[in-house]
C-alpha atoms as a PDB file:
ATOM      1  CA  LEU A   1     -50.212 -37.845  -9.271  1.00  0.00           C
ATOM      2  CA  LYS A   2     -46.603 -38.227  -9.109  1.00  0.00           C
ATOM      3  CA  ARG A   3     -45.989 -37.049 -13.143  1.00  0.00           C
ATOM      4  CA  LYS A   4     -48.569 -34.174 -11.620  1.00  0.00           C
ATOM      5  CA  ALA A   5     -46.426 -33.106  -8.193  1.00  0.00           C
ATOM      6  CA  PRO A   6     -45.195 -29.704  -7.590  1.00  0.00           C
ATOM      7  CA  ILE A   7     -42.487 -32.437  -5.619  1.00  0.00           C
ATOM      8  CA  HIS A   8     -40.673 -35.660  -5.956  1.00  0.00           C
ATOM      9  CA  PHE A   9     -41.988 -38.482  -3.614  1.00  0.00           C
ATOM     10  CA  GLU A  10     -42.165 -42.590  -4.370  1.00  0.00           C
ATOM     11  CA  VAL A  11     -45.115 -44.629  -2.839  1.00  0.00           C
ATOM     12  CA  GLY A  12     -45.077 -47.899  -1.348  1.00  0.00           C
ATOM     13  CA  ALA A  13     -47.548 -50.173   0.479  1.00  0.00           C
ATOM     14  CA  CYS A  14     -47.910 -52.476   3.384  1.00  0.00           C
ATOM     15  CA  THR A  15     -50.606 -54.202   4.766  1.00  0.00           C
ATOM     16  CA  VAL A  16     -50.375 -56.197   8.503  1.00  0.00           C
ATOM     17  CA  ASP A  17     -51.366 -59.535   8.964  1.00  0.00           C
ATOM     18  CA  PRO A  18     -52.363 -59.683  12.355  1.00  0.00           C
ATOM     19  CA  GLN A  19     -52.497 -63.516  12.073  1.00  0.00           C
ATOM     20  CA  THR A  20     -55.701 -64.661  12.088  1.00  0.00           C
ATOM     21  CA  PRO A  21     -56.758 -66.887   8.880  1.00  0.00           C
ATOM     22  CA  GLU A  22     -59.042 -65.062   7.031  1.00  0.00           C
ATOM     23  CA  TYR A  23     -56.072 -62.323   5.821  1.00  0.00           C
ATOM     24  CA  ASN A  24     -54.984 -63.068   2.322  1.00  0.00           C
ATOM     25  CA  PRO A  25     -53.401 -60.053   0.096  1.00  0.00           C
ATOM     26  CA  SER A  26     -52.585 -62.454  -2.220  1.00  0.00           C
ATOM     27  CA  ILE A  27     -54.727 -60.067  -4.201  1.00  0.00           C
ATOM     28  CA  LEU A  28     -53.236 -57.283  -3.756  1.00  0.00           C
ATOM     29  CA  LYS A  29     -49.819 -57.839  -3.688  1.00  0.00           C
ATOM     30  CA  GLU A  30     -49.922 -58.936  -7.902  1.00  0.00           C
ATOM     31  CA  TYR A  31     -52.117 -56.012  -7.859  1.00  0.00           C
ATOM     32  CA  LEU A  32     -50.118 -53.501  -6.822  1.00  0.00           C
ATOM     33  CA  LYS A  33     -46.972 -55.279  -8.640  1.00  0.00           C
ATOM     34  CA  THR A  34     -48.645 -54.469 -12.264  1.00  0.00           C
ATOM     35  CA  LEU A  35     -48.976 -51.180 -10.737  1.00  0.00           C
ATOM     36  CA  GLY A  36     -44.691 -51.090 -10.085  1.00  0.00           C
ATOM     37  CA  VAL A  37     -45.504 -49.447  -6.371  1.00  0.00           C
ATOM     38  CA  PRO A  38     -43.705 -51.484  -4.488  1.00  0.00           C
ATOM     39  CA  TYR A  39     -45.110 -53.715  -1.436  1.00  0.00           C
ATOM     40  CA  PHE A  40     -43.921 -54.553   2.211  1.00  0.00           C
ATOM     41  CA  TYR A  41     -45.882 -57.367   3.486  1.00  0.00           C
ATOM     42  CA  GLU A  42     -45.736 -57.821   7.512  1.00  0.00           C
ATOM     43  CA  SER A  43     -46.977 -60.887   9.688  1.00  0.00           C
ATOM     44  CA  GLN A  44     -47.092 -60.207  13.287  1.00  0.00           C
ATOM     45  CA  GLY A  45     -49.088 -62.287  15.788  1.00  0.00           C
ATOM     46  CA  ILE A  46     -51.373 -59.096  16.700  1.00  0.00           C
ATOM     47  CA  ILE A  47     -54.223 -61.522  18.024  1.00  0.00           C
ATOM     48  CA  GLU A  48     -51.956 -64.466  19.543  1.00  0.00           C
ATOM     49  CA  GLN A  49     -50.396 -60.762  21.617  1.00  0.00           C
ATOM     50  CA  ALA A  50     -54.119 -59.481  22.652  1.00  0.00           C
ATOM     51  CA  THR A  51     -55.295 -62.304  23.840  1.00  0.00           C
ATOM     52  CA  CYS A  52     -52.257 -62.031  26.963  1.00  0.00           C
ATOM     53  CA  SER A  53     -51.619 -59.145  27.365  1.00  0.00           C
ATOM     54  CA  MET A  54     -54.705 -57.139  27.179  1.00  0.00           C
ATOM     55  CA  ASP A  55     -57.661 -56.655  30.113  1.00  0.00           C
ATOM     56  CA  GLU A  56     -60.542 -58.022  28.400  1.00  0.00           C
ATOM     57  CA  LYS A  57     -62.837 -55.489  30.495  1.00  0.00           C
ATOM     58  CA  LYS A  58     -60.555 -52.763  29.990  1.00  0.00           C
ATOM     59  CA  ALA A  59     -59.775 -52.533  26.699  1.00  0.00           C
ATOM     60  CA  SER A  60     -60.611 -52.830  22.697  1.00  0.00           C
ATOM     61  CA  ILE A  61     -59.359 -55.657  21.299  1.00  0.00           C
ATOM     62  CA  CYS A  62     -60.053 -52.594  17.462  1.00  0.00           C
ATOM     63  CA  SER A  63     -58.172 -50.372  19.683  1.00  0.00           C
ATOM     64  CA  PHE A  64     -55.358 -52.610  20.430  1.00  0.00           C
ATOM     65  CA  CYS A  65     -54.706 -54.360  17.702  1.00  0.00           C
ATOM     66  CA  SER A  66     -54.278 -50.691  15.250  1.00  0.00           C
ATOM     67  CA  ARG A  67     -52.064 -49.107  17.697  1.00  0.00           C
ATOM     68  CA  MET A  68     -49.970 -52.393  17.438  1.00  0.00           C
ATOM     69  CA  LYS A  69     -50.476 -52.399  13.287  1.00  0.00           C
ATOM     70  CA  ARG A  70     -49.515 -48.476  13.213  1.00  0.00           C
ATOM     71  CA  GLY A  71     -46.091 -49.320  15.049  1.00  0.00           C
ATOM     72  CA  ILE A  72     -45.662 -52.041  12.812  1.00  0.00           C
ATOM     73  CA  LEU A  73     -46.070 -49.612  10.370  1.00  0.00           C
ATOM     74  CA  TYR A  74     -43.961 -46.897  11.559  1.00  0.00           C
ATOM     75  CA  THR A  75     -41.331 -49.294  11.738  1.00  0.00           C
ATOM     76  CA  VAL A  76     -41.325 -50.391   8.166  1.00  0.00           C
ATOM     77  CA  CYS A  77     -41.731 -46.679   7.214  1.00  0.00           C
ATOM     78  CA  LYS A  78     -38.389 -45.945   9.486  1.00  0.00           C
ATOM     79  CA  ARG A  79     -36.978 -49.422   7.319  1.00  0.00           C
ATOM     80  CA  GLU A  80     -37.868 -48.864   3.511  1.00  0.00           C
ATOM     81  CA  ASN A  81     -36.584 -44.916   3.795  1.00  0.00           C
ATOM     82  CA  TYR A  82     -39.776 -43.424   3.598  1.00  0.00           C
ATOM     83  CA  SER A  83     -40.263 -39.749   5.273  1.00  0.00           C
ATOM     84  CA  VAL A  84     -44.454 -39.909   5.738  1.00  0.00           C
ATOM     85  CA  LEU A  85     -46.629 -42.563   6.572  1.00  0.00           C
ATOM     86  CA  ALA A  86     -50.520 -41.604   5.492  1.00  0.00           C
ATOM     87  CA  LEU A  87     -53.225 -44.853   6.612  1.00  0.00           C
ATOM     88  CA  GLY A  88     -55.993 -45.061   4.684  1.00  0.00           C
ATOM     89  CA  GLN A  89     -59.345 -47.243   5.130  1.00  0.00           C
ATOM     90  CA  HIS A  90     -61.619 -49.501   3.082  1.00  0.00           C
ATOM     91  CA  LEU A  91     -65.913 -49.005   2.297  1.00  0.00           C
ATOM     92  CA  ASP A  92     -65.746 -52.511   4.251  1.00  0.00           C
ATOM     93  CA  ASP A  93     -63.633 -50.608   7.646  1.00  0.00           C
ATOM     94  CA  GLN A  94     -65.584 -47.859   7.183  1.00  0.00           C
ATOM     95  CA  ALA A  95     -69.731 -49.704   7.035  1.00  0.00           C
ATOM     96  CA  GLU A  96     -68.058 -51.894   9.744  1.00  0.00           C
ATOM     97  CA  SER A  97     -66.944 -48.826  12.398  1.00  0.00           C
ATOM     98  CA  LEU A  98     -70.154 -47.623  11.643  1.00  0.00           C
ATOM     99  CA  LEU A  99     -72.502 -50.567  12.531  1.00  0.00           C
END
């Protein structure tokens, strides 16, 4: 895409670890390294923050987590001098959202 685009741009990737035991980005880190894509890994206790600051009756942990992750991603963009944030989901996310 970069070779054929009429403009110059740089691509980077970032994932946010909400500090759950199930999360393991090691495969992603290696894959992006082989592609030469800068990878930024942010680990923050979003799940713990949610349990401390959410009213269980009013809010969804999913909406809390997504807002927190988006804020972290914007912070990384600013820190690493990226001007555009493109968000994406993978097929598993979409299937879970559907169910």
